[in-house]
Amino acid sequence: MLGGGAAVIVPEIADYEVRRELIRARRAAGIERLDAFIEQVEFLPIRTTAMRQAAAFWAAARQQGRPTAPDPALDGDVILAAQAATLDRPDVVVATTNPKHLLRYVSARLWTDIV
C-alpha cells in the first residue's frame, strides 16, 4: 500500500501470501530478502478492526452475489482491502495484481502502473 508521500506500507496479509509461497518452494534466500525488505518499510500488522471490516466486506460481497473468492477460502483480498480501509489515511492506494476485486472497497491500482 502507498500512503501520503508515497510511503511503502506492507500489510501483514501481503507478507503472509508471499511468505507462504517462499516457504512452500523452499526459497530460503527469498525469505531472507523478504525479511530485509520488511525491515526497510512500514509494516502493518493485522488488527481486530481490520478483521471485523474484512468480515463485513466478505458478507456484503456474498449478499450482493459478487464474492472475491470461493466461500471456504480465507479471502486475502477482503483482508487486504480492510487493512487499507481501516488505516485512517485517506490517500492510501493498494498496489496489486488484481485491482478489480479491491476497487469495490478501496483505491487500488495495478502495481506496475505505480511509479
Protein backbone atom coordinates (compact mmCIF):
# COMPACT_ATOMS: atom_id res chain seq x y z
CA MET A 1 0.00 0.00 0.00
CA LEU A 2 1.13 3.50 -0.70
CA GLY A 3 0.21 6.35 1.60
CA GLY A 4 0.89 10.07 1.68
CA GLY A 5 4.30 10.92 0.30
CA ALA A 6 4.34 7.54 -1.46
CA ALA A 7 5.39 5.71 1.69
CA VAL A 8 5.50 1.97 1.23
CA ILE A 9 3.38 0.07 3.72
CA VAL A 10 3.37 -3.72 3.66
CA PRO A 11 0.19 -5.22 5.12
CA GLU A 12 0.64 -8.40 7.11
CA ILE A 13 -1.73 -10.28 4.79
CA ALA A 14 0.55 -9.46 1.82
CA ASP A 15 3.61 -10.68 3.75
CA TYR A 16 1.71 -13.88 4.56
CA GLU A 17 0.77 -14.55 0.93
CA VAL A 18 4.33 -14.05 -0.35
CA ARG A 19 6.00 -15.80 2.59
CA ARG A 20 3.85 -18.95 2.40
CA GLU A 21 4.86 -19.47 -1.24
CA LEU A 22 8.53 -18.90 -0.46
CA ILE A 23 8.33 -21.43 2.37
CA ARG A 24 6.46 -23.94 0.19
CA ALA A 25 9.07 -23.58 -2.57
CA ARG A 26 11.90 -23.84 -0.02
CA ARG A 27 13.34 -20.47 -1.11
CA ALA A 28 15.45 -19.53 1.90
CA ALA A 29 17.17 -16.69 0.04
CA GLY A 30 13.78 -15.28 -0.94
CA ILE A 31 12.63 -15.37 2.67
CA GLU A 32 15.80 -13.54 3.72
CA ARG A 33 15.17 -10.87 1.04
CA LEU A 34 11.56 -10.53 2.17
CA ASP A 35 12.66 -10.13 5.79
CA ALA A 36 15.21 -7.48 4.78
CA PHE A 37 12.59 -5.62 2.74
CA ILE A 38 10.10 -5.69 5.62
CA GLU A 39 12.75 -4.13 7.86
CA GLN A 40 13.05 -1.16 5.44
CA VAL A 41 9.36 -0.28 5.09
CA GLU A 42 6.38 0.32 7.33
CA PHE A 43 4.77 -2.99 8.34
CA LEU A 44 1.03 -3.04 9.03
CA PRO A 45 0.03 -5.83 11.43
CA ILE A 46 -3.48 -7.22 11.15
CA ARG A 47 -5.66 -5.55 13.77
CA THR A 48 -9.02 -6.65 15.11
CA THR A 49 -10.74 -3.66 13.47
CA ALA A 50 -9.37 -4.73 10.09
CA MET A 51 -10.53 -8.33 10.52
CA ARG A 52 -14.01 -7.18 11.54
CA GLN A 53 -14.14 -4.92 8.50
CA ALA A 54 -12.94 -7.82 6.34
CA ALA A 55 -15.80 -9.96 7.67
CA ALA A 56 -18.27 -7.20 6.75
CA PHE A 57 -16.75 -6.87 3.24
CA TRP A 58 -16.84 -10.66 2.79
CA ALA A 59 -20.51 -10.92 3.85
CA ALA A 60 -21.60 -7.93 1.75
CA ALA A 61 -19.90 -9.36 -1.35
CA ARG A 62 -21.80 -12.62 -0.94
CA GLN A 63 -25.09 -10.87 -0.22
CA GLN A 64 -24.62 -8.99 -3.50
CA GLY A 65 -23.69 -12.19 -5.35
CA ARG A 66 -20.19 -10.83 -6.08
CA PRO A 67 -17.70 -12.79 -3.95
CA THR A 68 -13.99 -12.23 -4.49
CA ALA A 69 -13.13 -15.84 -3.60
CA PRO A 70 -14.89 -19.18 -3.01
CA ASP A 71 -16.88 -19.35 0.24
CA PRO A 72 -14.46 -21.68 2.10
CA ALA A 73 -11.44 -19.52 1.17
CA LEU A 74 -9.85 -17.16 3.68
CA ASP A 75 -10.14 -14.40 1.02
CA GLY A 76 -6.97 -12.39 1.34
CA ASP A 77 -8.40 -9.69 -0.95
CA VAL A 78 -11.01 -8.59 1.58
CA ILE A 79 -8.46 -8.74 4.39
CA LEU A 80 -6.08 -6.58 2.36
CA ALA A 81 -8.90 -4.14 1.49
CA ALA A 82 -9.96 -3.98 5.14
CA GLN A 83 -6.39 -3.29 6.27
CA ALA A 84 -6.26 -0.38 3.83
CA ALA A 85 -9.76 0.87 4.70
CA THR A 86 -9.06 0.93 8.43
CA LEU A 87 -5.63 2.55 8.11
CA ASP A 88 -7.03 6.03 8.70
CA ARG A 89 -5.14 7.53 5.76
CA PRO A 90 -7.43 8.84 3.00
CA ASP A 91 -4.69 8.81 0.36
CA VAL A 92 -3.85 5.08 0.54
CA VAL A 93 -3.59 3.23 -2.76
CA VAL A 94 -3.27 -0.54 -2.76
CA ALA A 95 -0.66 -1.78 -5.25
CA THR A 96 -1.86 -5.15 -6.51
CA THR A 97 -2.02 -7.60 -9.39
CA ASN A 98 -5.82 -7.62 -9.07
CA PRO A 99 -7.25 -4.10 -8.63
CA LYS A 100 -10.71 -5.23 -9.84
CA HIS A 101 -11.60 -7.01 -6.59
CA LEU A 102 -10.12 -4.35 -4.34
CA LEU A 103 -11.68 -1.34 -6.09
CA ARG A 104 -15.03 -2.27 -4.56
CA TYR A 105 -13.65 -1.25 -1.19
CA VAL A 106 -10.55 0.95 -1.54
CA SER A 107 -8.42 2.79 -4.05
CA ALA A 108 -6.28 0.22 -5.88
CA ARG A 109 -4.02 0.20 -8.92
CA LEU A 110 -2.05 -2.35 -10.84
CA TRP A 111 1.35 -2.37 -9.14
CA THR A 112 3.19 -1.94 -12.44
CA ASP A 113 1.29 1.31 -13.09
CA ILE A 114 2.56 2.94 -9.90
CA VAL A 115 5.74 4.95 -10.33
